[in-house]
Amino acid sequence: MTHIPLLRRRSLIVAAGGAALAAPLRVLRAESFPSKPITLIVPWPAGGSTDRHLRTLADIAGKLLGQNIIVQNQPGAGGTLGPGMMASTARPDGYTIAQFPMGMLRLPHMQKVNWHPINDFTFIMGISGYTFGFTVRADSPFKTFNDYIEAARREPGKIDYGSTGIGTSPHLLMEELADNAKVRLNHIPFKGNADLQQALLGGHVMAQSDATGWDKFVDNGQMRLLVTFGERRTKRWPNVPTAKDLGYGVVSSSPYGLVGPKGMDPAIVKTLHDAFKKAMDDPRHVELLDQLNQEAWYRSGDDYAAWARETFVKDKALIERLGLAAKA
């Protein structure tokens, strides 16, 4: 029999006991989750379409979890500042989660960032996708989208539009369209769509490419919707053509969902997933999606992560084609 010194034997027993206790303690933490309010980072200013959507969803999910889910608006860097900061500073305990917009999968191809969009996050679930549209003020000389493009053809680089930031879907879909139409537009980035709406209404930009935060302004006659970017025309504005209808070959819905920092306990991920999944089916949420002209885009955490990996690779090719890739 091999002789093990007494001190060493005690150390081995303590180590083995610690390993045995670790799993039950982890289960205990998961079973008691959540025991305090959860913070949901929305990386856009308050009042925009994403903020409206996620505040309602968080309110419903919070009631199911028995704890408040507090929305924290953290705009900047085209919707990537908030999730990026969470990845590097938040504990993976489920008490800090964030929306994960498409810009997270694009900005790393365009500039250096201190986070990785796949490796530094835990994917909880996919939720929805935007309806993108292009609007002008009601008194704009551009009556149709082709009027706007023809003006850009006459004055290269002088016809402007605003978006919610560099590398966001509203920016990239317009760059792709401009490339297809062989025109040069002047892009003006904003922190989010609440700021962008006010800039357009104030006459500081000629037009805007954005998700349906413009819906109420179109409905009350302050803005004119010239084109949408879905696969088909919207139910709410069936007379408005899609970019595909007009022959520009651009379709975008920009799915988004919820993530946490890397390394989250799978049991805690499941608790969050199940609450938000049930909240998605709540009539209040279904009605709001209809108001925002958005469709549900449910994906499990694993399916959402797989989609993100595939999209990260695919969008690199788009960014390179548009000449927006970071220089080596």
Protein backbone atom coordinates (compact mmCIF):
# COMPACT_ATOMS: atom_id res chain seq x y z
CA MET A 1 0.00 0.00 0.00
CA THR A 2 1.36 3.41 -0.95
CA HIS A 3 2.14 5.56 2.09
CA ILE A 4 0.66 9.11 1.92
CA PRO A 5 1.79 11.60 4.59
CA LEU A 6 -0.97 12.65 6.99
CA LEU A 7 -0.93 16.33 5.94
CA ARG A 8 -1.19 15.39 2.25
CA ARG A 9 -4.08 13.00 3.00
CA ARG A 10 -5.96 15.78 4.79
CA SER A 11 -5.42 18.10 1.81
CA LEU A 12 -6.77 15.48 -0.60
CA ILE A 13 -9.85 14.91 1.59
CA VAL A 14 -10.55 18.67 1.75
CA ALA A 15 -10.11 19.01 -2.03
CA ALA A 16 -12.42 16.08 -2.73
CA GLY A 17 -14.99 17.43 -0.30
CA GLY A 18 -14.83 20.87 -1.94
CA ALA A 19 -15.44 19.37 -5.38
CA ALA A 20 -18.37 17.37 -4.02
CA LEU A 21 -19.89 20.48 -2.44
CA ALA A 22 -19.42 22.69 -5.52
CA ALA A 23 -22.20 21.06 -7.55
CA PRO A 24 -24.85 21.21 -4.78
CA LEU A 25 -23.95 24.85 -4.05
CA ARG A 26 -24.33 25.68 -7.74
CA VAL A 27 -27.73 23.98 -7.84
CA LEU A 28 -28.74 25.88 -4.70
CA ARG A 29 -27.80 29.20 -6.30
CA ALA A 30 -29.77 28.32 -9.43
CA GLU A 31 -32.82 27.24 -7.41
CA SER A 32 -32.85 30.49 -5.43
CA PHE A 33 -32.47 32.62 -8.57
CA PRO A 34 -33.63 35.34 -8.81
CA SER A 35 -33.47 36.67 -5.25
CA LYS A 36 -33.08 40.34 -6.24
CA PRO A 37 -33.92 42.62 -9.23
CA ILE A 38 -32.33 41.90 -12.62
CA THR A 39 -30.83 44.59 -14.84
CA LEU A 40 -31.60 44.47 -18.57
CA ILE A 41 -29.27 46.66 -20.62
CA VAL A 42 -31.02 48.24 -23.61
CA PRO A 43 -28.22 49.78 -25.71
CA TRP A 44 -30.43 52.54 -27.18
CA PRO A 45 -31.93 55.75 -25.77
CA ALA A 46 -35.26 55.63 -23.95
CA GLY A 47 -38.37 56.08 -26.07
CA GLY A 48 -37.25 54.26 -29.22
CA SER A 49 -38.86 51.11 -30.64
CA THR A 50 -36.40 48.69 -28.98
CA ASP A 51 -36.82 50.42 -25.63
CA ARG A 52 -40.62 50.28 -25.93
CA HIS A 53 -40.49 46.60 -26.85
CA LEU A 54 -38.06 45.38 -24.19
CA ARG A 55 -39.60 47.44 -21.35
CA THR A 56 -42.92 45.69 -21.93
CA LEU A 57 -41.33 42.25 -22.27
CA ALA A 58 -39.21 42.83 -19.13
CA ASP A 59 -42.27 43.91 -17.14
CA ILE A 60 -44.11 40.70 -18.05
CA ALA A 61 -41.08 38.43 -17.48
CA GLY A 62 -40.34 40.12 -14.15
CA LYS A 63 -43.80 39.29 -12.84
CA LEU A 64 -43.26 35.65 -13.84
CA LEU A 65 -39.88 35.57 -12.08
CA GLY A 66 -41.15 37.35 -8.97
CA GLN A 67 -38.51 40.08 -9.26
CA ASN A 68 -38.40 43.41 -11.08
CA ILE A 69 -36.37 43.56 -14.29
CA ILE A 70 -34.95 47.06 -14.43
CA VAL A 71 -34.24 48.47 -17.89
CA GLN A 72 -30.97 50.41 -18.06
CA ASN A 73 -30.52 52.47 -21.23
CA GLN A 74 -26.87 52.49 -22.27
CA PRO A 75 -26.65 53.88 -25.83
CA GLY A 76 -23.53 54.36 -27.92
CA ALA A 77 -21.32 52.76 -30.57
CA GLY A 78 -24.27 51.67 -32.70
CA GLY A 79 -25.86 49.64 -29.92
CA THR A 80 -22.66 47.81 -28.97
CA LEU A 81 -21.45 49.89 -26.01
CA GLY A 82 -23.85 48.45 -23.42
CA PRO A 83 -23.46 44.74 -24.23
CA GLY A 84 -19.70 45.18 -24.72
CA MET A 85 -19.30 46.76 -21.27
CA MET A 86 -21.45 44.03 -19.72
CA ALA A 87 -19.20 41.35 -21.22
CA SER A 88 -16.11 42.83 -19.59
CA THR A 89 -17.52 44.00 -16.23
CA ALA A 90 -20.64 42.04 -15.19
CA ARG A 91 -20.63 38.81 -13.17
CA PRO A 92 -22.18 35.82 -14.98
CA ASP A 93 -24.78 35.37 -12.23
CA GLY A 94 -27.88 36.19 -14.31
CA TYR A 95 -28.49 39.56 -12.66
CA THR A 96 -27.16 41.54 -15.63
CA ILE A 97 -28.33 40.71 -19.16
CA ALA A 98 -28.52 42.71 -22.38
CA GLN A 99 -30.12 43.02 -25.76
CA PHE A 100 -27.77 41.76 -28.49
CA PRO A 101 -28.28 43.80 -31.68
CA MET A 102 -26.86 42.83 -35.08
CA GLY A 103 -24.18 45.50 -34.78
CA MET A 104 -22.44 43.22 -32.27
CA LEU A 105 -21.71 40.80 -35.12
CA ARG A 106 -20.53 43.55 -37.48
CA LEU A 107 -18.56 46.16 -35.58
CA PRO A 108 -15.64 43.78 -34.82
CA HIS A 109 -15.10 43.49 -38.60
CA MET A 110 -15.04 47.29 -38.91
CA GLN A 111 -12.88 48.37 -35.96
CA LYS A 112 -10.97 47.00 -33.00
CA VAL A 113 -13.16 46.14 -29.99
CA ASN A 114 -12.24 44.68 -26.59
CA TRP A 115 -14.84 41.89 -26.67
CA HIS A 116 -15.61 38.93 -28.93
CA PRO A 117 -19.24 38.69 -30.10
CA ILE A 118 -19.40 34.90 -29.73
CA ASN A 119 -16.84 33.88 -27.10
CA ASP A 120 -17.63 36.58 -24.52
CA PHE A 121 -21.40 36.01 -24.23
CA THR A 122 -23.94 33.45 -23.07
CA PHE A 123 -26.86 33.34 -25.52
CA ILE A 124 -30.21 33.15 -23.72
CA MET A 125 -32.79 33.37 -26.53
CA GLY A 126 -33.78 35.07 -29.77
CA ILE A 127 -36.85 37.31 -29.57
CA SER A 128 -37.76 39.41 -32.60
CA GLY A 129 -36.58 41.28 -35.66
CA TYR A 130 -37.18 44.81 -36.85
CA THR A 131 -39.22 46.20 -39.71
CA PHE A 132 -36.91 48.75 -41.29
CA GLY A 133 -38.16 51.71 -43.25
CA PHE A 134 -36.94 54.92 -44.83
CA THR A 135 -38.82 58.09 -43.93
CA VAL A 136 -38.71 61.80 -44.69
CA ARG A 137 -40.57 64.74 -43.20
CA ALA A 138 -44.11 65.19 -44.49
CA ASP A 139 -43.08 68.42 -46.26
CA SER A 140 -40.04 66.85 -47.96
CA PRO A 141 -39.66 67.34 -51.72
CA PHE A 142 -39.01 63.57 -51.97
CA LYS A 143 -42.42 62.04 -52.66
CA THR A 144 -41.04 58.58 -53.50
CA PHE A 145 -37.86 56.67 -52.70
CA ASN A 146 -36.80 56.91 -56.33
CA ASP A 147 -37.04 60.73 -56.03
CA TYR A 148 -34.49 60.52 -53.23
CA ILE A 149 -32.16 58.25 -55.20
CA GLU A 150 -32.39 60.47 -58.30
CA ALA A 151 -31.44 63.49 -56.17
CA ALA A 152 -28.39 61.56 -54.93
CA ARG A 153 -27.51 60.77 -58.52
CA ARG A 154 -27.62 64.49 -59.41
CA GLU A 155 -25.64 65.57 -56.33
CA PRO A 156 -23.24 62.80 -55.27
CA GLY A 157 -22.42 62.87 -51.54
CA LYS A 158 -24.73 65.83 -50.79
CA ILE A 159 -27.98 63.98 -50.12
CA ASP A 160 -27.93 62.79 -46.52
CA TYR A 161 -29.73 60.35 -44.23
CA GLY A 162 -29.44 59.46 -40.57
CA SER A 163 -29.22 56.03 -38.94
CA THR A 164 -28.80 54.63 -35.44
CA GLY A 165 -25.03 54.33 -35.86
CA ILE A 166 -22.12 53.03 -37.90
CA GLY A 167 -22.37 49.30 -38.52
CA THR A 168 -26.03 49.03 -37.54
CA SER A 169 -28.49 47.35 -39.90
CA PRO A 170 -30.18 50.66 -40.90
CA HIS A 171 -26.73 51.94 -41.93
CA LEU A 172 -25.49 48.83 -43.74
CA LEU A 173 -28.71 48.18 -45.65
CA MET A 174 -28.56 51.75 -47.03
CA GLU A 175 -24.88 51.38 -47.94
CA GLU A 176 -25.70 48.12 -49.72
CA LEU A 177 -28.62 49.78 -51.52
CA ALA A 178 -26.50 52.79 -52.52
CA ASP A 179 -23.88 50.40 -53.86
CA ASN A 180 -26.52 48.55 -55.90
CA ALA A 181 -28.03 51.85 -57.15
CA LYS A 182 -24.56 53.28 -57.97
CA VAL A 183 -25.08 56.45 -55.89
CA ARG A 184 -23.09 58.06 -53.06
CA LEU A 185 -25.03 59.14 -49.95
CA ASN A 186 -23.93 61.16 -46.92
CA HIS A 187 -24.47 59.04 -43.78
CA ILE A 188 -25.01 60.78 -40.41
CA PRO A 189 -24.91 58.43 -37.37
CA PHE A 190 -26.94 58.98 -34.18
CA LYS A 191 -26.94 57.26 -30.76
CA GLY A 192 -30.42 55.80 -31.22
CA ASN A 193 -33.74 56.25 -32.91
CA ALA A 194 -35.23 58.67 -30.35
CA ASP A 195 -32.44 61.16 -31.17
CA LEU A 196 -32.72 60.39 -34.86
CA GLN A 197 -36.50 61.03 -34.97
CA GLN A 198 -36.04 64.47 -33.41
CA ALA A 199 -33.24 65.34 -35.83
CA LEU A 200 -35.45 64.49 -38.80
CA LEU A 201 -38.47 66.34 -37.42
CA GLY A 202 -36.23 69.34 -36.69
CA GLY A 203 -34.91 69.41 -40.26
CA HIS A 204 -31.33 68.51 -39.32
CA VAL A 205 -31.26 65.52 -41.69
CA MET A 206 -33.13 64.98 -44.96
CA ALA A 207 -34.18 61.40 -44.26
CA GLN A 208 -33.74 58.48 -41.91
CA SER A 209 -33.19 54.75 -42.17
CA ASP A 210 -34.51 53.09 -39.03
CA ALA A 211 -36.69 50.48 -37.37
CA THR A 212 -40.34 51.24 -36.72
CA GLY A 213 -39.79 53.94 -34.10
CA TRP A 214 -41.16 56.17 -36.88
CA ASP A 215 -44.56 54.41 -36.89
CA LYS A 216 -46.42 56.98 -34.79
CA PHE A 217 -44.95 59.89 -36.77
CA VAL A 218 -46.05 58.31 -40.05
CA ASP A 219 -49.52 57.59 -38.65
CA ASN A 220 -50.01 61.17 -37.40
CA GLY A 221 -48.83 62.75 -40.66
CA GLN A 222 -45.47 64.18 -39.52
CA MET A 223 -43.39 61.80 -41.66
CA ARG A 224 -43.77 60.07 -45.02
CA LEU A 225 -42.72 56.41 -45.33
CA LEU A 226 -41.03 55.89 -48.72
CA VAL A 227 -39.89 52.26 -48.60
CA THR A 228 -39.57 49.27 -46.26
CA PHE A 229 -36.91 46.56 -46.30
CA GLY A 230 -38.73 43.32 -45.50
CA GLU A 231 -39.24 40.30 -47.69
CA ARG A 232 -42.81 41.49 -48.32
CA ARG A 233 -44.89 44.64 -47.78
CA THR A 234 -46.13 45.34 -44.28
CA LYS A 235 -49.73 44.68 -43.23
CA ARG A 236 -49.90 48.14 -41.69
CA TRP A 237 -48.64 50.09 -44.73
CA PRO A 238 -49.47 47.84 -47.71
CA ASN A 239 -49.23 50.67 -50.24
CA VAL A 240 -45.57 51.33 -49.41
CA PRO A 241 -43.18 49.35 -51.67
CA THR A 242 -40.28 47.28 -50.44
CA ALA A 243 -36.73 47.88 -51.67
CA LYS A 244 -37.09 44.48 -53.31
CA ASP A 245 -40.23 45.72 -55.18
CA LEU A 246 -38.22 48.67 -56.49
CA GLY A 247 -35.43 46.44 -57.77
CA TYR A 248 -32.73 47.39 -55.27
CA GLY A 249 -32.23 43.82 -54.00
CA VAL A 250 -31.93 44.58 -50.27
CA VAL A 251 -33.90 42.65 -47.62
CA SER A 252 -33.19 43.04 -43.89
CA SER A 253 -34.97 42.24 -40.61
CA SER A 254 -32.00 42.28 -38.19
CA PRO A 255 -32.99 39.70 -35.54
CA TYR A 256 -32.08 40.33 -31.91
CA GLY A 257 -32.30 38.58 -28.57
CA LEU A 258 -30.96 38.43 -25.03
CA VAL A 259 -27.48 37.53 -23.81
CA GLY A 260 -25.52 37.49 -20.58
CA PRO A 261 -21.78 37.42 -19.82
CA LYS A 262 -19.91 34.24 -20.71
CA GLY A 263 -19.91 31.39 -18.19
CA MET A 264 -23.49 31.58 -16.91
CA ASP A 265 -24.91 28.60 -15.03
CA PRO A 266 -27.11 26.67 -17.51
CA ALA A 267 -29.85 26.35 -14.85
CA ILE A 268 -29.99 30.15 -14.47
CA VAL A 269 -30.02 30.56 -18.26
CA LYS A 270 -33.00 28.18 -18.40
CA THR A 271 -34.87 30.14 -15.72
CA LEU A 272 -34.42 33.38 -17.67
CA HIS A 273 -35.20 31.70 -20.99
CA ASP A 274 -38.41 30.12 -19.70
CA ALA A 275 -39.70 33.39 -18.21
CA PHE A 276 -39.00 35.44 -21.32
CA LYS A 277 -40.36 32.70 -23.60
CA LYS A 278 -43.63 32.68 -21.65
CA ALA A 279 -43.66 36.51 -21.70
CA MET A 280 -43.40 36.46 -25.51
CA ASP A 281 -46.76 34.65 -25.65
CA ASP A 282 -48.49 37.15 -23.34
CA PRO A 283 -51.25 39.14 -25.15
CA ARG A 284 -49.64 42.46 -24.12
CA HIS A 285 -46.43 41.48 -25.88
CA VAL A 286 -48.18 40.09 -28.95
CA GLU A 287 -50.18 43.33 -29.27
CA LEU A 288 -47.04 45.48 -28.94
CA LEU A 289 -45.20 43.52 -31.65
CA ASP A 290 -48.18 44.17 -33.90
CA GLN A 291 -48.03 47.91 -33.08
CA LEU A 292 -44.30 47.97 -33.88
CA ASN A 293 -44.93 45.90 -37.02
CA GLN A 294 -42.41 43.31 -35.79
CA GLU A 295 -42.64 39.55 -35.93
CA ALA A 296 -41.62 37.09 -33.23
CA TRP A 297 -38.26 35.41 -33.89
CA TYR A 298 -37.97 32.88 -31.10
CA ARG A 299 -34.75 30.85 -30.92
CA SER A 300 -33.50 28.73 -28.03
CA GLY A 301 -30.15 29.72 -26.53
CA ASP A 302 -28.29 27.04 -28.49
CA ASP A 303 -30.03 27.90 -31.77
CA TYR A 304 -29.43 31.61 -31.20
CA ALA A 305 -25.71 31.00 -30.60
CA ALA A 306 -25.48 28.87 -33.76
CA TRP A 307 -27.21 31.60 -35.78
CA ALA A 308 -24.83 34.24 -34.35
CA ARG A 309 -21.75 32.20 -35.30
CA GLU A 310 -22.99 31.74 -38.85
CA THR A 311 -24.02 35.39 -39.24
CA PHE A 312 -20.69 36.66 -37.87
CA VAL A 313 -18.88 34.85 -40.68
CA LYS A 314 -21.42 35.78 -43.37
CA ASP A 315 -21.53 39.51 -42.53
CA LYS A 316 -17.76 39.79 -42.76
CA ALA A 317 -18.11 39.24 -46.52
CA LEU A 318 -20.79 41.98 -46.78
CA ILE A 319 -18.67 44.50 -44.85
CA GLU A 320 -15.63 43.74 -47.00
CA ARG A 321 -17.69 44.12 -50.19
CA LEU A 322 -18.95 47.53 -49.06
CA GLY A 323 -15.39 48.67 -48.33
CA LEU A 324 -16.11 49.16 -44.61
CA ALA A 325 -13.74 46.53 -43.18
CA ALA A 326 -11.05 47.62 -40.74
CA LYS A 327 -7.66 48.16 -42.36
CA ALA A 328 -5.05 45.65 -41.27
